[in-house]
Amino acid sequence: MTFDQVTEMVRLRSEADVLRPGDAAAQGATLTPEMI
């Protein structure tokens, strides 16, 4: 992974770690390699 990829991945992962209103709809959703 490039530095820019790592930076973006860590940012998105940190945001996903926080539960926000409306996230319940995404619970249980299947993640595909393309989505990831």
Full PDB file with SEQRES, HELIX, SHEET, SSBOND, CRYST1, ORIGX, SCALE, CONECT and MASTER records, all heavy atoms in Angstrom:
SEQRES   1 A   36  MET THR PHE ASP GLN VAL THR GLU MET VAL ARG LEU ARG          
SEQRES   2 A   36  SER GLU ALA ASP VAL LEU ARG PRO GLY ASP ALA ALA ALA          
SEQRES   3 A   36  GLN GLY ALA THR LEU THR PRO GLU MET ILE                      
HELIX    1 AA1 PHE A    3  ALA A   16  1                                  14    
HELIX    2 AA2 ASP A   23  ALA A   26  5                                   4    
CRYST1    1.000    1.000    1.000  90.00  90.00  90.00 P 1           1          
ORIGX1      1.000000  0.000000  0.000000        0.00000                         
ORIGX2      0.000000  1.000000  0.000000        0.00000                         
ORIGX3      0.000000  0.000000  1.000000        0.00000                         
SCALE1      1.000000  0.000000  0.000000        0.00000                         
SCALE2      0.000000  1.000000  0.000000        0.00000                         
SCALE3      0.000000  0.000000  1.000000        0.00000                         
ATOM      1  N   MET A   1       0.856  -1.178   0.000  1.00  0.00           N  
ATOM      2  CA  MET A   1       0.000   0.000   0.000  1.00  0.00           C  
ATOM      3  C   MET A   1       0.896   1.233   0.000  1.00  0.00           C  
ATOM      4  O   MET A   1       1.889   1.277   0.719  1.00  0.00           O  
ATOM      5  CB  MET A   1      -0.933   0.015   1.215  1.00  0.00           C  
ATOM      6  CG  MET A   1      -1.996  -1.073   1.195  1.00  0.00           C  
ATOM      7  SD  MET A   1      -3.066  -1.066   2.672  1.00  0.00           S  
ATOM      8  CE  MET A   1      -3.901   0.521   2.499  1.00  0.00           C  
ATOM      9  N   THR A   2       0.525   2.231  -0.790  1.00  0.00           N  
ATOM     10  CA  THR A   2       1.284   3.477  -0.802  1.00  0.00           C  
ATOM     11  C   THR A   2       0.978   4.273   0.455  1.00  0.00           C  
ATOM     12  O   THR A   2       0.016   3.993   1.175  1.00  0.00           O  
ATOM     13  CB  THR A   2       0.926   4.322  -2.035  1.00  0.00           C  
ATOM     14  OG1 THR A   2      -0.441   4.766  -1.918  1.00  0.00           O  
ATOM     15  CG2 THR A   2       1.106   3.522  -3.322  1.00  0.00           C  
ATOM     16  N   PHE A   3       1.792   5.292   0.696  1.00  0.00           N  
ATOM     17  CA  PHE A   3       1.573   6.151   1.857  1.00  0.00           C  
ATOM     18  C   PHE A   3       0.188   6.795   1.797  1.00  0.00           C  
ATOM     19  O   PHE A   3      -0.527   6.854   2.800  1.00  0.00           O  
ATOM     20  CB  PHE A   3       2.658   7.232   1.916  1.00  0.00           C  
ATOM     21  CG  PHE A   3       2.439   8.245   3.004  1.00  0.00           C  
ATOM     22  CD1 PHE A   3       2.743   7.947   4.323  1.00  0.00           C  
ATOM     23  CD2 PHE A   3       1.905   9.501   2.724  1.00  0.00           C  
ATOM     24  CE1 PHE A   3       2.533   8.875   5.333  1.00  0.00           C  
ATOM     25  CE2 PHE A   3       1.696  10.428   3.718  1.00  0.00           C  
ATOM     26  CZ  PHE A   3       2.013  10.123   5.029  1.00  0.00           C  
ATOM     27  N   ASP A   4      -0.200   7.278   0.619  1.00  0.00           N  
ATOM     28  CA  ASP A   4      -1.517   7.910   0.474  1.00  0.00           C  
ATOM     29  C   ASP A   4      -2.641   6.909   0.722  1.00  0.00           C  
ATOM     30  O   ASP A   4      -3.667   7.250   1.327  1.00  0.00           O  
ATOM     31  CB  ASP A   4      -1.660   8.527  -0.918  1.00  0.00           C  
ATOM     32  CG  ASP A   4      -0.746   9.727  -1.121  1.00  0.00           C  
ATOM     33  OD1 ASP A   4      -0.332  10.328  -0.105  1.00  0.00           O  
ATOM     34  OD2 ASP A   4      -0.437  10.058  -2.282  1.00  0.00           O  
ATOM     35  N   GLN A   5      -2.465   5.675   0.267  1.00  0.00           N  
ATOM     36  CA  GLN A   5      -3.484   4.645   0.514  1.00  0.00           C  
ATOM     37  C   GLN A   5      -3.613   4.351   2.005  1.00  0.00           C  
ATOM     38  O   GLN A   5      -4.728   4.209   2.516  1.00  0.00           O  
ATOM     39  CB  GLN A   5      -3.128   3.365  -0.244  1.00  0.00           C  
ATOM     40  CG  GLN A   5      -3.376   3.420  -1.736  1.00  0.00           C  
ATOM     41  CD  GLN A   5      -2.931   2.136  -2.429  1.00  0.00           C  
ATOM     42  OE1 GLN A   5      -1.848   1.598  -2.164  1.00  0.00           O  
ATOM     43  NE2 GLN A   5      -3.772   1.635  -3.323  1.00  0.00           N  
ATOM     44  N   VAL A   6      -2.484   4.235   2.679  1.00  0.00           N  
ATOM     45  CA  VAL A   6      -2.510   3.970   4.119  1.00  0.00           C  
ATOM     46  C   VAL A   6      -3.194   5.112   4.855  1.00  0.00           C  
ATOM     47  O   VAL A   6      -4.029   4.899   5.749  1.00  0.00           O  
ATOM     48  CB  VAL A   6      -1.087   3.758   4.661  1.00  0.00           C  
ATOM     49  CG1 VAL A   6      -1.097   3.714   6.187  1.00  0.00           C  
ATOM     50  CG2 VAL A   6      -0.489   2.468   4.109  1.00  0.00           C  
ATOM     51  N   THR A   7      -2.861   6.346   4.470  1.00  0.00           N  
ATOM     52  CA  THR A   7      -3.466   7.511   5.111  1.00  0.00           C  
ATOM     53  C   THR A   7      -4.984   7.482   4.977  1.00  0.00           C  
ATOM     54  O   THR A   7      -5.714   7.692   5.954  1.00  0.00           O  
ATOM     55  CB  THR A   7      -2.920   8.812   4.487  1.00  0.00           C  
ATOM     56  OG1 THR A   7      -1.495   8.849   4.636  1.00  0.00           O  
ATOM     57  CG2 THR A   7      -3.518  10.032   5.163  1.00  0.00           C  
ATOM     58  N   GLU A   8      -5.465   7.215   3.773  1.00  0.00           N  
ATOM     59  CA  GLU A   8      -6.910   7.194   3.544  1.00  0.00           C  
ATOM     60  C   GLU A   8      -7.562   6.011   4.244  1.00  0.00           C  
ATOM     61  O   GLU A   8      -8.650   6.130   4.820  1.00  0.00           O  
ATOM     62  CB  GLU A   8      -7.187   7.145   2.040  1.00  0.00           C  
ATOM     63  CG  GLU A   8      -8.664   7.154   1.655  1.00  0.00           C  
ATOM     64  CD  GLU A   8      -9.382   8.439   2.022  1.00  0.00           C  
ATOM     65  OE1 GLU A   8      -8.723   9.396   2.501  1.00  0.00           O  
ATOM     66  OE2 GLU A   8     -10.625   8.500   1.838  1.00  0.00           O  
ATOM     67  N   MET A   9      -6.912   4.846   4.210  1.00  0.00           N  
ATOM     68  CA  MET A   9      -7.475   3.665   4.864  1.00  0.00           C  
ATOM     69  C   MET A   9      -7.632   3.880   6.362  1.00  0.00           C  
ATOM     70  O   MET A   9      -8.670   3.571   6.953  1.00  0.00           O  
ATOM     71  CB  MET A   9      -6.591   2.453   4.594  1.00  0.00           C  
ATOM     72  CG  MET A   9      -7.128   1.140   5.176  1.00  0.00           C  
ATOM     73  SD  MET A   9      -6.615   0.822   6.888  1.00  0.00           S  
ATOM     74  CE  MET A   9      -4.912   0.357   6.633  1.00  0.00           C  
ATOM     75  N   VAL A  10      -6.592   4.433   6.990  1.00  0.00           N  
ATOM     76  CA  VAL A  10      -6.651   4.669   8.432  1.00  0.00           C  
ATOM     77  C   VAL A  10      -7.735   5.688   8.761  1.00  0.00           C  
ATOM     78  O   VAL A  10      -8.471   5.541   9.743  1.00  0.00           O  
ATOM     79  CB  VAL A  10      -5.279   5.134   8.958  1.00  0.00           C  
ATOM     80  CG1 VAL A  10      -5.382   5.595  10.407  1.00  0.00           C  
ATOM     81  CG2 VAL A  10      -4.259   4.006   8.835  1.00  0.00           C  
ATOM     82  N   ARG A  11      -7.867   6.715   7.925  1.00  0.00           N  
ATOM     83  CA  ARG A  11      -8.906   7.726   8.159  1.00  0.00           C  
ATOM     84  C   ARG A  11     -10.296   7.104   8.082  1.00  0.00           C  
ATOM     85  O   ARG A  11     -11.140   7.309   8.971  1.00  0.00           O  
ATOM     86  CB  ARG A  11      -8.796   8.848   7.129  1.00  0.00           C  
ATOM     87  CG  ARG A  11      -9.784   9.994   7.349  1.00  0.00           C  
ATOM     88  CD  ARG A  11      -9.723  11.015   6.238  1.00  0.00           C  
ATOM     89  NE  ARG A  11     -10.251  10.493   4.992  1.00  0.00           N  
ATOM     90  CZ  ARG A  11     -11.559  10.447   4.702  1.00  0.00           C  
ATOM     91  NH1 ARG A  11     -12.453  10.868   5.591  1.00  0.00           N  
ATOM     92  NH2 ARG A  11     -11.966   9.964   3.554  1.00  0.00           N  
ATOM     93  N   LEU A  12     -10.550   6.322   7.055  1.00  0.00           N  
ATOM     94  CA  LEU A  12     -11.868   5.705   6.891  1.00  0.00           C  
ATOM     95  C   LEU A  12     -12.137   4.675   7.984  1.00  0.00           C  
ATOM     96  O   LEU A  12     -13.262   4.550   8.471  1.00  0.00           O  
ATOM     97  CB  LEU A  12     -11.964   5.048   5.514  1.00  0.00           C  
ATOM     98  CG  LEU A  12     -11.959   6.005   4.318  1.00  0.00           C  
ATOM     99  CD1 LEU A  12     -11.898   5.224   3.008  1.00  0.00           C  
ATOM    100  CD2 LEU A  12     -13.200   6.893   4.342  1.00  0.00           C  
ATOM    101  N   ARG A  13     -11.100   3.944   8.370  1.00  0.00           N  
ATOM    102  CA  ARG A  13     -11.280   2.933   9.411  1.00  0.00           C  
ATOM    103  C   ARG A  13     -11.592   3.598  10.747  1.00  0.00           C  
ATOM    104  O   ARG A  13     -12.434   3.112  11.506  1.00  0.00           O  
ATOM    105  CB  ARG A  13     -10.030   2.057   9.525  1.00  0.00           C  
ATOM    106  CG  ARG A  13     -10.238   0.837  10.400  1.00  0.00           C  
ATOM    107  CD  ARG A  13      -9.087  -0.130  10.312  1.00  0.00           C  
ATOM    108  NE  ARG A  13      -7.899   0.336  11.017  1.00  0.00           N  
ATOM    109  CZ  ARG A  13      -6.801  -0.400  11.196  1.00  0.00           C  
ATOM    110  NH1 ARG A  13      -6.729  -1.624  10.684  1.00  0.00           N  
ATOM    111  NH2 ARG A  13      -5.761   0.072  11.847  1.00  0.00           N  
ATOM    112  N   SER A  14     -10.921   4.701  11.041  1.00  0.00           N  
ATOM    113  CA  SER A  14     -11.179   5.418  12.290  1.00  0.00           C  
ATOM    114  C   SER A  14     -12.610   5.946  12.324  1.00  0.00           C  
ATOM    115  O   SER A  14     -13.281   5.893  13.359  1.00  0.00           O  
ATOM    116  CB  SER A  14     -10.185   6.570  12.458  1.00  0.00           C  
ATOM    117  OG  SER A  14      -8.866   6.083  12.551  1.00  0.00           O  
ATOM    118  N   GLU A  15     -13.086   6.445  11.185  1.00  0.00           N  
ATOM    119  CA  GLU A  15     -14.466   6.928  11.124  1.00  0.00           C  
ATOM    120  C   GLU A  15     -15.457   5.788  11.300  1.00  0.00           C  
ATOM    121  O   GLU A  15     -16.487   5.937  11.957  1.00  0.00           O  
ATOM    122  CB  GLU A  15     -14.710   7.629   9.789  1.00  0.00           C  
ATOM    123  CG  GLU A  15     -13.980   8.954   9.644  1.00  0.00           C  
ATOM    124  CD  GLU A  15     -14.271   9.622   8.314  1.00  0.00           C  
ATOM    125  OE1 GLU A  15     -15.036   9.034   7.514  1.00  0.00           O  
ATOM    126  OE2 GLU A  15     -13.747  10.727   8.073  1.00  0.00           O  
ATOM    127  N   ALA A  16     -15.144   4.637  10.719  1.00  0.00           N  
ATOM    128  CA  ALA A  16     -16.054   3.490  10.827  1.00  0.00           C  
ATOM    129  C   ALA A  16     -16.126   2.946  12.241  1.00  0.00           C  
ATOM    130  O   ALA A  16     -17.100   2.287  12.616  1.00  0.00           O  
ATOM    131  CB  ALA A  16     -15.611   2.383   9.864  1.00  0.00           C  
ATOM    132  N   ASP A  17     -15.075   3.204  13.044  1.00  0.00           N  
ATOM    133  CA  ASP A  17     -15.056   2.713  14.422  1.00  0.00           C  
ATOM    134  C   ASP A  17     -16.038   3.464  15.324  1.00  0.00           C  
ATOM    135  O   ASP A  17     -16.349   3.010  16.422  1.00  0.00           O  
ATOM    136  CB  ASP A  17     -13.646   2.854  15.008  1.00  0.00           C  
ATOM    137  CG  ASP A  17     -12.704   1.794  14.468  1.00  0.00           C  
ATOM    138  OD1 ASP A  17     -13.184   0.858  13.801  1.00  0.00           O  
ATOM    139  OD2 ASP A  17     -11.486   1.907  14.704  1.00  0.00           O  
ATOM    140  N   VAL A  18     -16.513   4.606  14.867  1.00  0.00           N  
ATOM    141  CA  VAL A  18     -17.413   5.426  15.680  1.00  0.00           C  
ATOM    142  C   VAL A  18     -18.851   5.188  15.254  1.00  0.00           C  
ATOM    143  O   VAL A  18     -19.194   5.311  14.080  1.00  0.00           O  
ATOM    144  CB  VAL A  18     -17.060   6.926  15.537  1.00  0.00           C  
ATOM    145  CG1 VAL A  18     -17.998   7.766  16.392  1.00  0.00           C  
ATOM    146  CG2 VAL A  18     -15.613   7.167  15.935  1.00  0.00           C  
ATOM    147  N   LEU A  19     -19.679   4.831  16.212  1.00  0.00           N  
ATOM    148  CA  LEU A  19     -21.091   4.602  15.926  1.00  0.00           C  
ATOM    149  C   LEU A  19     -21.829   5.935  15.847  1.00  0.00           C  
ATOM    150  O   LEU A  19     -21.756   6.763  16.746  1.00  0.00           O  
ATOM    151  CB  LEU A  19     -21.722   3.740  17.021  1.00  0.00           C  
ATOM    152  CG  LEU A  19     -23.189   3.348  16.789  1.00  0.00           C  
ATOM    153  CD1 LEU A  19     -23.321   2.452  15.567  1.00  0.00           C  
ATOM    154  CD2 LEU A  19     -23.759   2.650  18.009  1.00  0.00           C  
ATOM    155  N   ARG A  20     -22.522   6.153  14.729  1.00  0.00           N  
ATOM    156  CA  ARG A  20     -23.250   7.391  14.522  1.00  0.00           C  
ATOM    157  C   ARG A  20     -24.717   7.089  14.267  1.00  0.00           C  
ATOM    158  O   ARG A  20     -25.068   5.979  13.857  1.00  0.00           O  
ATOM    159  CB  ARG A  20     -22.663   8.160  13.327  1.00  0.00           C  
ATOM    160  CG  ARG A  20     -21.217   8.593  13.533  1.00  0.00           C  
ATOM    161  CD  ARG A  20     -20.686   9.300  12.299  1.00  0.00           C  
ATOM    162  NE  ARG A  20     -19.342   9.803  12.506  1.00  0.00           N  
ATOM    163  CZ  ARG A  20     -18.250   9.090  12.306  1.00  0.00           C  
ATOM    164  NH1 ARG A  20     -18.360   7.836  11.917  1.00  0.00           N  
ATOM    165  NH2 ARG A  20     -17.060   9.614  12.520  1.00  0.00           N  
ATOM    166  N   PRO A  21     -25.601   8.065  14.460  1.00  0.00           N  
ATOM    167  CA  PRO A  21     -27.017   7.856  14.161  1.00  0.00           C  
ATOM    168  C   PRO A  21     -27.194   7.418  12.710  1.00  0.00           C  
ATOM    169  O   PRO A  21     -26.589   7.967  11.790  1.00  0.00           O  
ATOM    170  CB  PRO A  21     -27.627   9.244  14.408  1.00  0.00           C  
ATOM    171  CG  PRO A  21     -26.706   9.883  15.381  1.00  0.00           C  
ATOM    172  CD  PRO A  21     -25.335   9.404  15.029  1.00  0.00           C  
ATOM    173  N   GLY A  22     -28.033   6.409  12.510  1.00  0.00           N  
ATOM    174  CA  GLY A  22     -28.290   5.916  11.166  1.00  0.00           C  
ATOM    175  C   GLY A  22     -27.421   4.753  10.764  1.00  0.00           C  
ATOM    176  O   GLY A  22     -27.638   4.133   9.723  1.00  0.00           O  
ATOM    177  N   ASP A  23     -26.397   4.430  11.577  1.00  0.00           N  
ATOM    178  CA  ASP A  23     -25.513   3.322  11.240  1.00  0.00           C  
ATOM    179  C   ASP A  23     -26.201   1.969  11.368  1.00  0.00           C  
ATOM    180  O   ASP A  23     -25.736   0.991  10.806  1.00  0.00           O  
ATOM    181  CB  ASP A  23     -24.277   3.323  12.145  1.00  0.00           C  
ATOM    182  CG  ASP A  23     -23.274   4.383  11.718  1.00  0.00           C  
ATOM    183  OD1 ASP A  23     -23.511   5.007  10.671  1.00  0.00           O  
ATOM    184  OD2 ASP A  23     -22.288   4.583  12.425  1.00  0.00           O  
ATOM    185  N   ALA A  24     -27.289   1.920  12.111  1.00  0.00           N  
ATOM    186  CA  ALA A  24     -27.954   0.641  12.345  1.00  0.00           C  
ATOM    187  C   ALA A  24     -28.362  -0.024  11.043  1.00  0.00           C  
ATOM    188  O   ALA A  24     -28.382  -1.250  10.925  1.00  0.00           O  
ATOM    189  CB  ALA A  24     -29.176   0.837  13.238  1.00  0.00           C  
ATOM    190  N   ALA A  25     -28.665   0.771  10.004  1.00  0.00           N  
ATOM    191  CA  ALA A  25     -29.096   0.198   8.733  1.00  0.00           C  
ATOM    192  C   ALA A  25     -27.978  -0.593   8.069  1.00  0.00           C  
ATOM    193  O   ALA A  25     -28.217  -1.512   7.288  1.00  0.00           O  
ATOM    194  CB  ALA A  25     -29.561   1.314   7.794  1.00  0.00           C  
ATOM    195  N   ALA A  26     -26.734  -0.222   8.389  1.00  0.00           N  
ATOM    196  CA  ALA A  26     -25.588  -0.899   7.770  1.00  0.00           C  
ATOM    197  C   ALA A  26     -25.153  -2.136   8.536  1.00  0.00           C  
ATOM    198  O   ALA A  26     -24.335  -2.908   8.053  1.00  0.00           O  
ATOM    199  CB  ALA A  26     -24.407   0.066   7.660  1.00  0.00           C  
ATOM    200  N   GLN A  27     -25.704  -2.342   9.720  1.00  0.00           N  
ATOM    201  CA  GLN A  27     -25.291  -3.474  10.531  1.00  0.00           C  
ATOM    202  C   GLN A  27     -25.694  -4.785   9.863  1.00  0.00           C  
ATOM    203  O   GLN A  27     -26.808  -4.935   9.379  1.00  0.00           O  
ATOM    204  CB  GLN A  27     -25.915  -3.385  11.920  1.00  0.00           C  
ATOM    205  CG  GLN A  27     -25.390  -2.201  12.735  1.00  0.00           C  
ATOM    206  CD  GLN A  27     -26.133  -2.039  14.041  1.00  0.00           C  
ATOM    207  OE1 GLN A  27     -26.757  -2.979  14.500  1.00  0.00           O  
ATOM    208  NE2 GLN A  27     -26.068  -0.852  14.616  1.00  0.00           N  
ATOM    209  N   GLY A  28     -24.747  -5.701   9.809  1.00  0.00           N  
ATOM    210  CA  GLY A  28     -25.028  -6.993   9.216  1.00  0.00           C  
ATOM    211  C   GLY A  28     -24.832  -7.022   7.720  1.00  0.00           C  
ATOM    212  O   GLY A  28     -24.978  -8.071   7.093  1.00  0.00           O  
ATOM    213  N   ALA A  29     -24.506  -5.877   7.095  1.00  0.00           N  
ATOM    214  CA  ALA A  29     -24.296  -5.844   5.662  1.00  0.00           C  
ATOM    215  C   ALA A  29     -23.046  -6.628   5.300  1.00  0.00           C  
ATOM    216  O   ALA A  29     -22.054  -6.602   6.015  1.00  0.00           O  
ATOM    217  CB  ALA A  29     -24.180  -4.408   5.178  1.00  0.00           C  
ATOM    218  N   THR A  30     -23.083  -7.338   4.171  1.00  0.00           N  
ATOM    219  CA  THR A  30     -21.938  -8.095   3.702  1.00  0.00           C  
ATOM    220  C   THR A  30     -21.004  -7.194   2.917  1.00  0.00           C  
ATOM    221  O   THR A  30     -21.436  -6.451   2.039  1.00  0.00           O  
ATOM    222  CB  THR A  30     -22.402  -9.266   2.815  1.00  0.00           C  
ATOM    223  OG1 THR A  30     -23.105 -10.206   3.609  1.00  0.00           O  
ATOM    224  CG2 THR A  30     -21.209  -9.962   2.179  1.00  0.00           C  
ATOM    225  N   LEU A  31     -19.728  -7.265   3.236  1.00  0.00           N  
ATOM    226  CA  LEU A  31     -18.722  -6.485   2.526  1.00  0.00           C  
ATOM    227  C   LEU A  31     -18.024  -7.375   1.505  1.00  0.00           C  
ATOM    228  O   LEU A  31     -17.533  -8.456   1.841  1.00  0.00           O  
ATOM    229  CB  LEU A  31     -17.698  -5.912   3.501  1.00  0.00           C  
ATOM    230  CG  LEU A  31     -18.198  -4.832   4.463  1.00  0.00           C  
ATOM    231  CD1 LEU A  31     -17.103  -4.458   5.458  1.00  0.00           C  
ATOM    232  CD2 LEU A  31     -18.641  -3.601   3.701  1.00  0.00           C  
ATOM    233  N   THR A  32     -17.988  -6.945   0.262  1.00  0.00           N  
ATOM    234  CA  THR A  32     -17.285  -7.670  -0.790  1.00  0.00           C  
ATOM    235  C   THR A  32     -15.891  -7.066  -0.962  1.00  0.00           C  
ATOM    236  O   THR A  32     -15.621  -5.941  -0.516  1.00  0.00           O  
ATOM    237  CB  THR A  32     -18.038  -7.563  -2.116  1.00  0.00           C  
ATOM    238  OG1 THR A  32     -18.029  -6.183  -2.541  1.00  0.00           O  
ATOM    239  CG2 THR A  32     -19.476  -8.035  -1.968  1.00  0.00           C  
ATOM    240  N   PRO A  33     -14.969  -7.793  -1.624  1.00  0.00           N  
ATOM    241  CA  PRO A  33     -13.650  -7.219  -1.874  1.00  0.00           C  
ATOM    242  C   PRO A  33     -13.727  -5.883  -2.618  1.00  0.00           C  
ATOM    243  O   PRO A  33     -12.962  -4.953  -2.317  1.00  0.00           O  
ATOM    244  CB  PRO A  33     -12.948  -8.287  -2.714  1.00  0.00           C  
ATOM    245  CG  PRO A  33     -13.580  -9.570  -2.271  1.00  0.00           C  
ATOM    246  CD  PRO A  33     -15.020  -9.220  -2.021  1.00  0.00           C  
ATOM    247  N   GLU A  34     -14.647  -5.778  -3.571  1.00  0.00           N  
ATOM    248  CA  GLU A  34     -14.790  -4.536  -4.319  1.00  0.00           C  
ATOM    249  C   GLU A  34     -15.233  -3.397  -3.410  1.00  0.00           C  
ATOM    250  O   GLU A  34     -14.731  -2.266  -3.517  1.00  0.00           O  
ATOM    251  CB  GLU A  34     -15.797  -4.718  -5.464  1.00  0.00           C  
ATOM    252  CG  GLU A  34     -15.358  -5.686  -6.559  1.00  0.00           C  
ATOM    253  CD  GLU A  34     -15.429  -7.145  -6.127  1.00  0.00           C  
ATOM    254  OE1 GLU A  34     -16.157  -7.453  -5.138  1.00  0.00           O  
ATOM    255  OE2 GLU A  34     -14.723  -7.977  -6.737  1.00  0.00           O  
ATOM    256  N   MET A  35     -16.171  -3.667  -2.524  1.00  0.00           N  
ATOM    257  CA  MET A  35     -16.630  -2.642  -1.585  1.00  0.00           C  
ATOM    258  C   MET A  35     -15.517  -2.212  -0.641  1.00  0.00           C  
ATOM    259  O   MET A  35     -15.383  -1.033  -0.311  1.00  0.00           O  
ATOM    260  CB  MET A  35     -17.835  -3.173  -0.789  1.00  0.00           C  
ATOM    261  CG  MET A  35     -19.085  -3.403  -1.617  1.00  0.00           C  
ATOM    262  SD  MET A  35     -20.372  -4.289  -0.685  1.00  0.00           S  
ATOM    263  CE  MET A  35     -20.666  -3.151   0.655  1.00  0.00           C  
ATOM    264  N   ILE A  36     -14.707  -3.172  -0.210  1.00  0.00           N  
ATOM    265  CA  ILE A  36     -13.621  -2.857   0.719  1.00  0.00           C  
ATOM    266  C   ILE A  36     -12.590  -1.962   0.035  1.00  0.00           C  
ATOM    267  O   ILE A  36     -12.094  -1.007   0.632  1.00  0.00           O  
ATOM    268  CB  ILE A  36     -12.979  -4.151   1.246  1.00  0.00           C  
ATOM    269  CG1 ILE A  36     -13.964  -4.898   2.144  1.00  0.00           C  
ATOM    270  CG2 ILE A  36     -11.696  -3.849   2.013  1.00  0.00           C  
ATOM    271  CD1 ILE A  36     -13.505  -6.270   2.560  1.00  0.00           C  
TER     272      ILE A  36                                                      
MASTER        0    0    0    2    0    0    0    6  271    1    0    3          
END                                                                             
